[in-house]
């Protein structure tokens, strides 16, 4: 199923979300509007804000604040992307040049800061201290994840546990917060709220695991970014960690040097990954996370929205971009 088909139960809500995003990007500062429009027009999966909408609807919410808080989640995510691309010195995302490549690092960082600030301004409007607590706490955890990842770069001794900590902080936390906020808006019980948070956490982890697989197996045109970027940046992701665990001494040395130098032989590394079935191993870890996500929402009432959340799990692990 394509992503637009998957989103069909909330198609009207996604249009409302886009309207909120464009409206709230408005600024008297021309450069902010220009970069904001550049980012919005790039598209993206919008899975995180969709999580707010789907969980809220699945648990019976009928108000309007889900559009606003979904936009908050998208602004937080976009701010992290702007900052990430500067830190990683990336020049391609979603099939075109990154904002920092077009407008410069300084502008990208500052507009990322603007989006963070705008998101907090928008949070206040919903009047829910609980939702604000979850979202503001998530931004702190995400920032910690960024720093933890920075510490892991070029370190071939990173363990699976350290890697997963970065994934849960840097990527999964916003999925978790998005789903949890949807439940909070719906006035769900503590049990259902925690189930929603667990769903988001596990599907977010699976999503990142598949991203790490696609970095070594994806097509650059499908992905919209440069295949092999993680290796060039010296990031020890799970496929590489797996080779370090079970590969031959020569393969382990190859991966060690590639992580340390960040300029390893991509083809040789890809062969080592293939020889050790590291991609299948990583996909298996993603499948396990998806099963935990499915288990978490078993108690949700039956609806088209719950079914979409279930289908999201398959999309997260079977996608090619």
Protein backbone atom coordinates (compact mmCIF):
# COMPACT_ATOMS: atom_id res chain seq x y z
CA UNK A 1 0.00 0.00 0.00
CA UNK A 2 1.28 3.44 -0.92
CA UNK A 3 1.56 6.08 1.78
CA UNK A 4 -1.28 8.24 0.32
CA UNK A 5 -3.55 5.16 0.31
CA UNK A 6 -2.50 4.39 3.85
CA UNK A 7 -3.39 7.92 4.94
CA UNK A 8 -6.83 7.91 3.29
CA UNK A 9 -8.84 7.63 6.57
CA UNK A 10 -7.28 10.93 7.68
CA UNK A 11 -6.96 12.61 4.27
CA UNK A 12 -9.09 15.59 5.33
CA UNK A 13 -7.12 15.94 8.56
CA UNK A 14 -3.83 15.87 6.65
CA UNK A 15 -5.08 18.73 4.48
CA UNK A 16 -6.00 20.65 7.62
CA UNK A 17 -2.54 19.88 8.98
CA UNK A 18 -0.89 21.29 5.85
CA UNK A 19 -2.94 24.47 6.19
CA UNK A 20 -1.84 24.87 9.82
CA UNK A 21 1.81 24.26 8.89
CA UNK A 22 1.79 26.83 6.12
CA UNK A 23 -0.10 29.36 8.22
CA UNK A 24 2.22 29.03 11.20
CA UNK A 25 5.36 29.26 9.06
CA UNK A 26 4.38 32.80 8.16
CA UNK A 27 6.86 35.39 9.38
CA UNK A 28 7.75 39.00 8.63
CA UNK A 29 11.31 37.78 8.13
CA UNK A 30 11.55 36.89 4.43
CA UNK A 31 14.32 34.30 4.85
CA UNK A 32 12.24 32.36 7.38
CA UNK A 33 9.29 32.25 4.97
CA UNK A 34 11.57 31.25 2.09
CA UNK A 35 13.28 28.40 3.92
CA UNK A 36 10.00 27.34 5.49
CA UNK A 37 8.34 27.08 2.08
CA UNK A 38 11.37 25.22 0.72
CA UNK A 39 11.07 22.64 3.50
CA UNK A 40 7.29 22.24 3.25
CA UNK A 41 7.34 21.87 -0.54
CA UNK A 42 9.87 19.05 -0.18
CA UNK A 43 7.06 16.86 1.14
CA UNK A 44 8.12 14.01 3.40
CA UNK A 45 6.18 11.13 4.89
CA UNK A 46 4.55 13.14 7.71
CA UNK A 47 4.30 9.91 9.70
CA UNK A 48 4.88 11.58 13.06
CA UNK A 49 2.08 14.16 12.82
CA UNK A 50 -0.14 11.47 11.29
CA UNK A 51 0.44 9.48 14.47
CA UNK A 52 -1.14 12.29 16.52
CA UNK A 53 -4.17 12.36 14.22
CA UNK A 54 -4.65 8.61 14.02
CA UNK A 55 -4.31 7.87 17.74
CA UNK A 56 -6.57 10.78 18.69
CA UNK A 57 -9.24 9.59 16.24
CA UNK A 58 -8.81 5.93 17.18
CA UNK A 59 -9.54 6.84 20.80
CA UNK A 60 -12.58 8.97 20.01
CA UNK A 61 -11.29 12.56 19.88
CA UNK A 62 -13.65 14.96 18.07
CA UNK A 63 -12.05 18.35 18.72
CA UNK A 64 -9.71 20.49 16.62
CA UNK A 65 -6.49 20.68 18.62
CA UNK A 66 -5.16 17.50 17.01
CA UNK A 67 -4.30 19.51 13.87
CA UNK A 68 -2.41 22.09 15.91
CA UNK A 69 -0.43 19.53 17.92
CA UNK A 70 0.26 17.45 14.83
CA UNK A 71 1.81 20.59 13.31
CA UNK A 72 3.86 21.05 16.48
CA UNK A 73 5.24 17.53 16.05
CA UNK A 74 6.09 18.23 12.40
CA UNK A 75 7.83 21.51 13.34
CA UNK A 76 9.92 19.75 15.99
CA UNK A 77 10.84 17.04 13.48
CA UNK A 78 11.73 19.59 10.79
CA UNK A 79 13.89 21.54 13.23
CA UNK A 80 15.84 18.38 14.03
CA UNK A 81 16.33 17.71 10.29
CA UNK A 82 17.65 21.23 9.70
CA UNK A 83 20.12 20.84 12.55
CA UNK A 84 21.02 17.25 11.59
CA UNK A 85 21.91 18.21 8.04
CA UNK A 86 24.27 20.89 9.31
CA UNK A 87 25.93 18.55 11.81
CA UNK A 88 26.21 15.74 9.25
CA UNK A 89 27.22 18.11 6.44
CA UNK A 90 24.50 16.54 4.29
CA UNK A 91 23.73 17.91 0.85
CA UNK A 92 20.68 15.84 -0.16
CA UNK A 93 17.37 15.02 1.49
CA UNK A 94 14.02 13.95 -0.01
CA UNK A 95 15.55 13.90 -3.47
CA UNK A 96 16.88 17.43 -3.56
CA UNK A 97 19.50 19.71 -2.01
CA UNK A 98 19.26 20.24 1.73
CA UNK A 99 18.37 23.66 3.10
CA UNK A 100 21.90 24.14 4.40
CA UNK A 101 23.32 23.38 0.94
CA UNK A 102 21.04 26.01 -0.60
CA UNK A 103 20.85 28.70 2.09
CA UNK A 104 23.92 28.01 4.24
CA UNK A 105 24.51 26.50 7.65
CA UNK A 106 23.80 29.63 9.68
CA UNK A 107 20.38 30.19 8.11
CA UNK A 108 19.44 26.52 8.56
CA UNK A 109 20.39 26.48 12.23
CA UNK A 110 18.55 29.71 12.96
CA UNK A 111 15.38 28.67 11.13
CA UNK A 112 15.56 25.37 13.03
CA UNK A 113 15.64 27.42 16.21
CA UNK A 114 12.66 29.43 14.96
CA UNK A 115 10.67 26.23 14.38
CA UNK A 116 11.43 25.00 17.90
CA UNK A 117 10.31 28.35 19.31
CA UNK A 118 7.18 28.42 17.18
CA UNK A 119 6.28 24.89 18.23
CA UNK A 120 6.40 25.84 21.92
CA UNK A 121 4.29 28.90 21.22
CA UNK A 122 1.70 26.66 19.53
CA UNK A 123 1.72 24.07 22.34
CA UNK A 124 0.42 26.64 24.78
CA UNK A 125 -2.71 27.21 22.69
CA UNK A 126 -4.08 23.72 23.33
CA UNK A 127 -4.24 24.40 27.07
CA UNK A 128 -3.11 20.90 28.07
CA UNK A 129 -0.24 20.89 30.54
CA UNK A 130 0.04 17.14 30.09
CA UNK A 131 0.50 17.43 26.32
CA UNK A 132 2.99 20.27 26.77
CA UNK A 133 4.93 18.21 29.30
CA UNK A 134 5.20 15.24 26.92
CA UNK A 135 6.24 17.33 23.90
CA UNK A 136 8.69 19.56 25.75
CA UNK A 137 10.22 16.54 27.45
CA UNK A 138 10.59 14.86 24.08
CA UNK A 139 12.58 17.79 22.66
CA UNK A 140 15.05 17.44 25.53
CA UNK A 141 15.45 13.70 24.97
CA UNK A 142 15.92 14.23 21.22
CA UNK A 143 18.68 16.78 21.87
CA UNK A 144 20.37 14.31 24.23
CA UNK A 145 20.13 11.67 21.50
CA UNK A 146 21.86 13.99 19.05
CA UNK A 147 24.74 14.47 21.46
CA UNK A 148 24.93 10.74 22.21
CA UNK A 149 25.15 10.02 18.50
CA UNK A 150 27.92 12.57 18.16
CA UNK A 151 29.85 10.69 20.86
CA UNK A 152 29.34 7.41 18.97
CA UNK A 153 30.63 8.69 15.62
CA UNK A 154 33.93 7.07 14.58
CA UNK A 155 33.79 4.71 17.57
CA UNK A 156 33.92 1.06 16.39
CA UNK A 157 33.34 -0.20 19.94
CA UNK A 158 29.74 1.05 20.10
CA UNK A 159 27.56 -1.77 21.41
CA UNK A 160 24.06 -2.71 20.26
CA UNK A 161 22.77 -1.21 23.55
CA UNK A 162 24.47 2.15 22.95
CA UNK A 163 23.21 2.22 19.39
CA UNK A 164 19.63 1.46 20.44
CA UNK A 165 19.78 4.15 23.11
CA UNK A 166 20.53 6.71 20.40
CA UNK A 167 17.69 5.34 18.24
CA UNK A 168 15.20 5.54 21.10
CA UNK A 169 16.29 9.04 22.05
CA UNK A 170 16.90 10.59 18.64
CA UNK A 171 14.21 8.99 16.47
CA UNK A 172 11.72 6.90 18.42
CA UNK A 173 11.07 9.52 21.10
CA UNK A 174 9.14 11.85 18.78
CA UNK A 175 7.03 8.95 17.45
CA UNK A 176 6.33 8.03 21.08
CA UNK A 177 5.42 11.59 22.04
CA UNK A 178 3.19 12.00 18.97
CA UNK A 179 1.18 8.88 19.75
CA UNK A 180 0.98 9.71 23.45
CA UNK A 181 -0.27 13.25 22.76
CA UNK A 182 -3.00 11.82 20.55
CA UNK A 183 -4.16 9.70 23.49
CA UNK A 184 -3.95 12.66 25.87
CA UNK A 185 -6.14 14.77 23.57
CA UNK A 186 -8.71 11.98 23.50
CA UNK A 187 -8.82 11.85 27.30
CA UNK A 188 -7.73 8.21 27.24
CA UNK A 189 -7.14 6.17 30.39
CA UNK A 190 -3.59 5.91 31.74
CA UNK A 191 -3.45 2.37 30.40
CA UNK A 192 -4.38 3.40 26.86
CA UNK A 193 -2.10 6.44 27.01
CA UNK A 194 0.87 4.26 27.89
CA UNK A 195 -0.15 1.75 25.22
CA UNK A 196 -0.13 4.56 22.65
CA UNK A 197 3.30 5.71 23.83
CA UNK A 198 4.65 2.16 23.58
CA UNK A 199 3.22 1.82 20.08
CA UNK A 200 4.96 5.01 18.97
CA UNK A 201 8.24 4.04 20.63
CA UNK A 202 8.39 0.61 18.99
CA UNK A 203 7.28 1.68 15.53
CA UNK A 204 9.75 4.59 15.69
CA UNK A 205 12.56 2.19 16.57
CA UNK A 206 11.56 -0.12 13.70
CA UNK A 207 11.46 2.85 11.34
CA UNK A 208 15.06 3.81 12.17
CA UNK A 209 16.29 0.22 11.93
CA UNK A 210 14.92 0.02 8.39
CA UNK A 211 16.51 3.39 7.58
CA UNK A 212 19.83 1.85 8.60
CA UNK A 213 19.16 -1.16 6.37
CA UNK A 214 18.29 1.08 3.41
CA UNK A 215 21.56 2.98 3.80
CA UNK A 216 23.28 -0.18 2.56
CA UNK A 217 20.63 -1.63 0.26
CA UNK A 218 18.45 1.21 -1.00
CA UNK A 219 18.34 3.01 -4.30
CA UNK A 220 19.46 6.63 -4.17
CA UNK A 221 16.51 7.84 -6.29
CA UNK A 222 13.97 5.98 -4.13
CA UNK A 223 15.55 7.14 -0.89
CA UNK A 224 16.04 10.74 -1.93
CA UNK A 225 19.40 10.86 -0.18
CA UNK A 226 22.89 9.52 -0.70
CA UNK A 227 23.16 5.78 -0.08
CA UNK A 228 26.13 5.08 2.17
CA UNK A 229 25.95 8.37 4.06
CA UNK A 230 26.08 6.63 7.45
CA UNK A 231 29.37 4.96 6.53
CA UNK A 232 30.89 8.19 5.24
CA UNK A 233 29.88 9.88 8.49
CA UNK A 234 31.44 7.12 10.59
CA UNK A 235 28.15 6.12 12.21
CA UNK A 236 28.18 2.62 13.74
CA UNK A 237 24.64 1.45 12.89
CA UNK A 238 23.28 -2.03 13.60
CA UNK A 239 24.34 -3.65 10.29
CA UNK A 240 27.93 -2.64 10.99
CA UNK A 241 27.70 -3.62 14.65
CA UNK A 242 26.46 -7.05 13.55
CA UNK A 243 29.48 -7.57 11.30
CA UNK A 244 31.72 -6.61 14.22
CA UNK A 245 29.96 -9.30 16.29
CA UNK A 246 29.97 -12.25 13.86
CA UNK A 247 32.24 -11.39 10.92
CA UNK A 248 35.65 -12.86 10.18
CA UNK A 249 38.69 -11.08 11.67
CA UNK A 250 39.32 -9.46 8.28
CA UNK A 251 35.70 -8.29 8.02
CA UNK A 252 35.80 -6.94 11.56
CA UNK A 253 38.99 -5.04 10.80
CA UNK A 254 37.47 -3.64 7.61
CA UNK A 255 34.43 -2.33 9.51
CA UNK A 256 36.58 -0.99 12.34
CA UNK A 257 38.69 1.05 9.95
CA UNK A 258 35.65 2.24 7.99
CA UNK A 259 33.97 3.54 11.14
CA UNK A 260 37.15 5.15 12.45
CA UNK A 261 38.05 6.88 9.17
CA UNK A 262 34.59 7.48 7.73
CA UNK A 263 35.91 6.87 4.21
CA UNK A 264 35.87 3.10 3.93
CA UNK A 265 35.45 1.03 0.76
CA UNK A 266 31.65 0.99 0.45
CA UNK A 267 31.60 -2.03 -1.86
CA UNK A 268 33.84 -4.06 0.47
CA UNK A 269 31.74 -3.08 3.47
CA UNK A 270 28.56 -4.02 1.58
CA UNK A 271 30.06 -7.45 0.83
CA UNK A 272 30.89 -7.98 4.50
CA UNK A 273 27.35 -7.00 5.45
CA UNK A 274 26.00 -9.45 2.87
CA UNK A 275 28.30 -12.28 3.99
CA UNK A 276 27.11 -11.98 7.59
CA UNK A 277 23.41 -11.52 6.79
CA UNK A 278 23.59 -8.29 8.80
CA UNK A 279 20.72 -6.71 6.89
CA UNK A 280 18.44 -9.68 7.52
CA UNK A 281 19.45 -9.55 11.17
CA UNK A 282 18.58 -5.84 11.35
CA UNK A 283 15.26 -6.42 9.58
CA UNK A 284 14.54 -9.15 12.14
CA UNK A 285 15.13 -6.65 14.93
CA UNK A 286 12.73 -4.23 13.20
CA UNK A 287 10.11 -6.98 12.87
CA UNK A 288 10.38 -7.67 16.60
CA UNK A 289 9.78 -3.99 17.36
CA UNK A 290 6.74 -3.95 15.08
CA UNK A 291 5.25 -6.93 16.89
CA UNK A 292 5.64 -5.07 20.18
CA UNK A 293 3.90 -2.07 18.59
CA UNK A 294 1.01 -4.27 17.46
CA UNK A 295 0.73 -5.84 20.90
CA UNK A 296 0.60 -2.37 22.49
CA UNK A 297 -2.54 -1.26 20.63
CA UNK A 298 -4.43 -4.55 20.85
CA UNK A 299 -6.71 -2.95 23.47
CA UNK A 300 -7.65 0.01 21.20
CA UNK A 301 -11.31 -0.09 20.08
CA UNK A 302 -11.82 -1.39 16.54
CA UNK A 303 -11.99 1.31 13.87
CA UNK A 304 -10.57 2.30 10.50
CA UNK A 305 -8.06 4.44 12.41
CA UNK A 306 -6.82 1.48 14.45
CA UNK A 307 -6.53 -0.55 11.24
CA UNK A 308 -4.40 2.22 9.73
CA UNK A 309 -2.14 2.14 12.79
CA UNK A 310 -1.78 -1.60 12.25
CA UNK A 311 -1.00 -1.11 8.55
CA UNK A 312 1.55 1.55 9.50
CA UNK A 313 3.57 -1.24 11.09
CA UNK A 314 3.84 -3.15 7.81
CA UNK A 315 4.70 0.05 5.95
CA UNK A 316 7.47 0.89 8.44
CA UNK A 317 9.36 -2.34 7.72
CA UNK A 318 8.50 -3.02 4.05
CA UNK A 319 9.14 0.44 2.59
CA UNK A 320 11.97 1.18 0.15
CA UNK A 321 12.48 4.82 1.14
